[in-house]
Amino acid sequence: GVPVVGGILSDTLDTVARSTVLIKNATGVAGIVVLFTICILPVAKIAVTALAFHLTAAVIQPVADRRIYATVSALAEVLSLMVGVLCALFVMFVICISMLLCMGG
């Protein structure tokens, strides 16, 4: 009778351990999804603004002074770089969170 009870207890503890890992992984995925939803709005706003400045630069190039075109074009490039930096920062943040979750268990 004792080996059967020990087997049942071992299977129960194994199930609890696997459930804990599953909950930890689900929490990590939920955290990444929440982080993505928080980060996507500012990145999208900056990307749309960069696109607007690129279009403005294209429209004013034939009619405006060269310096105005250069300024608007440079601003569009800076905003495009900012979008790239924010995306890279988001990826590094996700990697950091993943590393912290891996260290926990």
N, C-alpha and C. Protein backbone atom coordinates (compact mmCIF):
# COMPACT_ATOMS: atom_id res chain seq x y z
N GLY A 1 0.81 -1.19 0.00
CA GLY A 1 0.00 0.00 0.00
C GLY A 1 0.85 1.25 0.00
N VAL A 2 2.03 1.23 0.64
CA VAL A 2 2.83 2.44 0.75
C VAL A 2 3.39 2.90 -0.61
N PRO A 3 3.87 1.99 -1.50
CA PRO A 3 4.38 2.47 -2.79
C PRO A 3 3.31 3.16 -3.63
N VAL A 4 2.06 2.71 -3.51
CA VAL A 4 0.98 3.35 -4.29
C VAL A 4 0.75 4.77 -3.79
N VAL A 5 0.70 4.93 -2.46
CA VAL A 5 0.49 6.27 -1.89
C VAL A 5 1.67 7.17 -2.25
N GLY A 6 2.89 6.62 -2.17
CA GLY A 6 4.06 7.41 -2.54
C GLY A 6 4.02 7.82 -4.00
N GLY A 7 3.57 6.94 -4.89
CA GLY A 7 3.45 7.26 -6.32
C GLY A 7 2.41 8.35 -6.56
N ILE A 8 1.29 8.25 -5.86
CA ILE A 8 0.23 9.26 -6.00
C ILE A 8 0.74 10.60 -5.49
N LEU A 9 1.42 10.59 -4.36
CA LEU A 9 1.96 11.83 -3.79
C LEU A 9 3.00 12.44 -4.73
N SER A 10 3.84 11.58 -5.30
CA SER A 10 4.87 12.07 -6.23
C SER A 10 4.23 12.68 -7.48
N ASP A 11 3.20 12.01 -8.01
CA ASP A 11 2.50 12.55 -9.18
C ASP A 11 1.80 13.86 -8.85
N THR A 12 1.23 13.95 -7.67
CA THR A 12 0.56 15.19 -7.25
C THR A 12 1.56 16.34 -7.14
N LEU A 13 2.71 16.09 -6.52
CA LEU A 13 3.72 17.13 -6.40
C LEU A 13 4.26 17.54 -7.76
N ASP A 14 4.42 16.57 -8.67
CA ASP A 14 4.87 16.87 -10.02
C ASP A 14 3.86 17.75 -10.75
N THR A 15 2.58 17.44 -10.58
CA THR A 15 1.52 18.24 -11.20
C THR A 15 1.51 19.66 -10.64
N VAL A 16 1.68 19.79 -9.33
CA VAL A 16 1.72 21.12 -8.71
C VAL A 16 2.92 21.91 -9.21
N ALA A 17 4.08 21.26 -9.34
CA ALA A 17 5.28 21.94 -9.82
C ALA A 17 5.09 22.40 -11.26
N ARG A 18 4.52 21.55 -12.10
CA ARG A 18 4.27 21.94 -13.50
C ARG A 18 3.25 23.06 -13.58
N SER A 19 2.24 23.03 -12.72
CA SER A 19 1.23 24.10 -12.70
C SER A 19 1.87 25.42 -12.30
N THR A 20 2.79 25.38 -11.36
CA THR A 20 3.47 26.60 -10.93
C THR A 20 4.28 27.20 -12.07
N VAL A 21 4.98 26.35 -12.82
CA VAL A 21 5.75 26.83 -13.97
C VAL A 21 4.82 27.40 -15.03
N LEU A 22 3.68 26.74 -15.25
CA LEU A 22 2.72 27.23 -16.23
C LEU A 22 2.17 28.59 -15.83
N ILE A 23 1.86 28.76 -14.54
CA ILE A 23 1.35 30.06 -14.06
C ILE A 23 2.42 31.12 -14.20
N LYS A 24 3.67 30.76 -13.89
CA LYS A 24 4.77 31.74 -14.02
C LYS A 24 4.94 32.15 -15.49
N ASN A 25 4.87 31.18 -16.40
CA ASN A 25 4.99 31.50 -17.82
C ASN A 25 3.82 32.35 -18.30
N ALA A 26 2.62 32.03 -17.84
CA ALA A 26 1.45 32.81 -18.23
C ALA A 26 1.55 34.24 -17.69
N THR A 27 2.08 34.38 -16.48
CA THR A 27 2.27 35.72 -15.92
C THR A 27 3.29 36.51 -16.74
N GLY A 28 4.36 35.83 -17.16
CA GLY A 28 5.36 36.49 -17.99
C GLY A 28 4.80 36.93 -19.32
N VAL A 29 4.02 36.06 -19.96
CA VAL A 29 3.40 36.41 -21.24
C VAL A 29 2.41 37.56 -21.05
N ALA A 30 1.63 37.51 -19.98
CA ALA A 30 0.68 38.61 -19.72
C ALA A 30 1.43 39.92 -19.48
N GLY A 31 2.55 39.85 -18.77
CA GLY A 31 3.35 41.06 -18.54
C GLY A 31 3.89 41.63 -19.83
N ILE A 32 4.33 40.77 -20.72
CA ILE A 32 4.86 41.24 -22.01
C ILE A 32 3.75 41.85 -22.85
N VAL A 33 2.56 41.24 -22.81
CA VAL A 33 1.42 41.79 -23.56
C VAL A 33 1.03 43.16 -23.01
N VAL A 34 1.00 43.29 -21.69
CA VAL A 34 0.68 44.59 -21.07
C VAL A 34 1.75 45.61 -21.44
N LEU A 35 3.00 45.21 -21.38
CA LEU A 35 4.10 46.10 -21.75
C LEU A 35 3.98 46.54 -23.21
N PHE A 36 3.62 45.61 -24.08
CA PHE A 36 3.45 45.94 -25.50
C PHE A 36 2.33 46.95 -25.69
N THR A 37 1.20 46.76 -25.00
CA THR A 37 0.10 47.70 -25.15
C THR A 37 0.44 49.08 -24.59
N ILE A 38 1.28 49.11 -23.56
CA ILE A 38 1.69 50.40 -23.01
C ILE A 38 2.63 51.11 -23.98
N CYS A 39 3.53 50.37 -24.61
CA CYS A 39 4.56 50.97 -25.46
C CYS A 39 4.08 51.29 -26.87
N ILE A 40 3.06 50.61 -27.36
CA ILE A 40 2.68 50.76 -28.76
C ILE A 40 2.09 52.14 -29.06
N LEU A 41 1.36 52.71 -28.12
CA LEU A 41 0.71 54.00 -28.38
C LEU A 41 1.72 55.14 -28.61
N PRO A 42 2.69 55.34 -27.73
CA PRO A 42 3.67 56.41 -28.00
C PRO A 42 4.49 56.16 -29.27
N VAL A 43 4.85 54.90 -29.52
CA VAL A 43 5.62 54.59 -30.73
C VAL A 43 4.78 54.88 -31.96
N ALA A 44 3.51 54.51 -31.92
CA ALA A 44 2.63 54.77 -33.06
C ALA A 44 2.45 56.28 -33.29
N LYS A 45 2.29 57.03 -32.21
CA LYS A 45 2.14 58.49 -32.36
C LYS A 45 3.38 59.12 -32.98
N ILE A 46 4.55 58.70 -32.52
CA ILE A 46 5.79 59.26 -33.06
C ILE A 46 5.97 58.83 -34.51
N ALA A 47 5.61 57.59 -34.83
CA ALA A 47 5.74 57.10 -36.21
C ALA A 47 4.80 57.87 -37.15
N VAL A 48 3.60 58.13 -36.70
CA VAL A 48 2.66 58.90 -37.53
C VAL A 48 3.15 60.33 -37.70
N THR A 49 3.70 60.91 -36.65
CA THR A 49 4.24 62.26 -36.76
C THR A 49 5.43 62.29 -37.72
N ALA A 50 6.29 61.29 -37.65
CA ALA A 50 7.44 61.21 -38.57
C ALA A 50 6.96 61.08 -40.01
N LEU A 51 5.94 60.25 -40.22
CA LEU A 51 5.38 60.10 -41.57
C LEU A 51 4.80 61.42 -42.06
N ALA A 52 4.12 62.15 -41.18
CA ALA A 52 3.55 63.45 -41.56
C ALA A 52 4.66 64.43 -41.95
N PHE A 53 5.76 64.43 -41.20
CA PHE A 53 6.87 65.33 -41.55
C PHE A 53 7.55 64.92 -42.85
N HIS A 54 7.67 63.61 -43.08
CA HIS A 54 8.23 63.15 -44.36
C HIS A 54 7.35 63.60 -45.52
N LEU A 55 6.04 63.45 -45.37
CA LEU A 55 5.12 63.89 -46.43
C LEU A 55 5.15 65.40 -46.61
N THR A 56 5.23 66.12 -45.49
CA THR A 56 5.31 67.58 -45.57
C THR A 56 6.58 68.01 -46.29
N ALA A 57 7.68 67.35 -45.99
CA ALA A 57 8.95 67.68 -46.65
C ALA A 57 8.85 67.41 -48.15
N ALA A 58 8.19 66.32 -48.51
CA ALA A 58 8.05 66.01 -49.94
C ALA A 58 7.17 67.03 -50.65
N VAL A 59 6.15 67.50 -49.97
CA VAL A 59 5.23 68.46 -50.59
C VAL A 59 5.86 69.84 -50.71
N ILE A 60 6.60 70.28 -49.68
CA ILE A 60 7.14 71.65 -49.71
C ILE A 60 8.45 71.77 -50.47
N GLN A 61 9.07 70.65 -50.82
CA GLN A 61 10.36 70.73 -51.49
C GLN A 61 10.33 71.59 -52.76
N PRO A 62 9.35 71.45 -53.64
CA PRO A 62 9.38 72.27 -54.86
C PRO A 62 9.04 73.74 -54.65
N VAL A 63 8.31 74.05 -53.58
CA VAL A 63 7.80 75.42 -53.45
C VAL A 63 8.46 76.23 -52.33
N ALA A 64 9.05 75.57 -51.36
CA ALA A 64 9.58 76.28 -50.20
C ALA A 64 11.08 76.53 -50.35
N ASP A 65 11.60 77.35 -49.47
CA ASP A 65 13.03 77.62 -49.41
C ASP A 65 13.77 76.33 -49.04
N ARG A 66 14.99 76.21 -49.52
CA ARG A 66 15.80 75.02 -49.29
C ARG A 66 16.04 74.78 -47.80
N ARG A 67 16.22 75.85 -47.03
CA ARG A 67 16.48 75.70 -45.60
C ARG A 67 15.26 75.15 -44.85
N ILE A 68 14.07 75.59 -45.24
CA ILE A 68 12.85 75.09 -44.60
C ILE A 68 12.69 73.61 -44.90
N TYR A 69 12.90 73.24 -46.17
CA TYR A 69 12.82 71.83 -46.55
C TYR A 69 13.84 71.00 -45.76
N ALA A 70 15.06 71.50 -45.64
CA ALA A 70 16.11 70.76 -44.93
C ALA A 70 15.74 70.59 -43.46
N THR A 71 15.15 71.62 -42.86
CA THR A 71 14.76 71.54 -41.45
C THR A 71 13.65 70.52 -41.24
N VAL A 72 12.63 70.57 -42.07
CA VAL A 72 11.51 69.63 -41.93
C VAL A 72 11.98 68.20 -42.21
N SER A 73 12.83 68.04 -43.19
CA SER A 73 13.36 66.72 -43.52
C SER A 73 14.23 66.17 -42.38
N ALA A 74 15.05 67.03 -41.80
CA ALA A 74 15.89 66.60 -40.67
C ALA A 74 15.03 66.21 -39.47
N LEU A 75 13.97 66.96 -39.22
CA LEU A 75 13.06 66.63 -38.13
C LEU A 75 12.39 65.28 -38.37
N ALA A 76 12.01 65.02 -39.60
CA ALA A 76 11.40 63.73 -39.94
C ALA A 76 12.39 62.59 -39.71
N GLU A 77 13.65 62.81 -40.06
CA GLU A 77 14.67 61.77 -39.85
C GLU A 77 14.91 61.52 -38.36
N VAL A 78 14.92 62.58 -37.57
CA VAL A 78 15.12 62.43 -36.13
C VAL A 78 13.96 61.63 -35.52
N LEU A 79 12.75 61.93 -35.93
CA LEU A 79 11.60 61.20 -35.41
C LEU A 79 11.63 59.73 -35.85
N SER A 80 12.09 59.48 -37.07
CA SER A 80 12.22 58.10 -37.53
C SER A 80 13.26 57.34 -36.70
N LEU A 81 14.37 58.01 -36.40
CA LEU A 81 15.37 57.38 -35.54
C LEU A 81 14.82 57.13 -34.14
N MET A 82 14.00 58.05 -33.65
CA MET A 82 13.42 57.89 -32.33
C MET A 82 12.50 56.66 -32.29
N VAL A 83 11.76 56.43 -33.35
CA VAL A 83 10.91 55.23 -33.42
C VAL A 83 11.78 53.98 -33.35
N GLY A 84 12.88 53.99 -34.09
CA GLY A 84 13.79 52.84 -34.04
C GLY A 84 14.39 52.61 -32.66
N VAL A 85 14.77 53.68 -32.01
CA VAL A 85 15.34 53.57 -30.66
C VAL A 85 14.30 53.05 -29.67
N LEU A 86 13.08 53.54 -29.77
CA LEU A 86 12.03 53.07 -28.87
C LEU A 86 11.70 51.60 -29.10
N CYS A 87 11.71 51.17 -30.35
CA CYS A 87 11.47 49.75 -30.64
C CYS A 87 12.61 48.89 -30.08
N ALA A 88 13.84 49.33 -30.24
CA ALA A 88 14.98 48.59 -29.68
C ALA A 88 14.91 48.56 -28.16
N LEU A 89 14.51 49.65 -27.55
CA LEU A 89 14.36 49.71 -26.10
C LEU A 89 13.29 48.74 -25.63
N PHE A 90 12.19 48.66 -26.35
CA PHE A 90 11.13 47.73 -26.01
C PHE A 90 11.64 46.28 -26.06
N VAL A 91 12.40 45.95 -27.10
CA VAL A 91 12.95 44.59 -27.22
C VAL A 91 13.90 44.29 -26.05
N MET A 92 14.75 45.25 -25.71
CA MET A 92 15.67 45.04 -24.59
C MET A 92 14.92 44.90 -23.26
N PHE A 93 13.83 45.64 -23.11
CA PHE A 93 13.04 45.56 -21.89
C PHE A 93 12.37 44.19 -21.78
N VAL A 94 11.88 43.66 -22.90
CA VAL A 94 11.27 42.33 -22.92
C VAL A 94 12.33 41.28 -22.56
N ILE A 95 13.53 41.43 -23.09
CA ILE A 95 14.61 40.49 -22.77
C ILE A 95 14.95 40.57 -21.28
N CYS A 96 14.97 41.76 -20.74
CA CYS A 96 15.27 41.94 -19.31
C CYS A 96 14.20 41.28 -18.45
N ILE A 97 12.95 41.46 -18.80
CA ILE A 97 11.86 40.83 -18.05
C ILE A 97 11.96 39.31 -18.15
N SER A 98 12.27 38.80 -19.32
CA SER A 98 12.42 37.36 -19.50
C SER A 98 13.55 36.81 -18.64
N MET A 99 14.65 37.54 -18.58
CA MET A 99 15.77 37.10 -17.74
C MET A 99 15.38 37.09 -16.26
N LEU A 100 14.62 38.11 -15.83
CA LEU A 100 14.18 38.15 -14.44
C LEU A 100 13.24 37.00 -14.12
N LEU A 101 12.36 36.66 -15.07
CA LEU A 101 11.46 35.54 -14.85
C LEU A 101 12.21 34.22 -14.79
N CYS A 102 13.25 34.09 -15.61
CA CYS A 102 14.05 32.86 -15.60
C CYS A 102 14.83 32.72 -14.30
N MET A 103 15.29 33.84 -13.75
CA MET A 103 16.04 33.79 -12.49
C MET A 103 15.15 33.39 -11.32
N GLY A 104 13.86 33.69 -11.42
CA GLY A 104 12.95 33.39 -10.33
C GLY A 104 12.71 31.91 -10.11
N GLY A 105 12.95 31.10 -11.09
CA GLY A 105 12.65 29.69 -10.86
C GLY A 105 13.44 28.88 -11.73
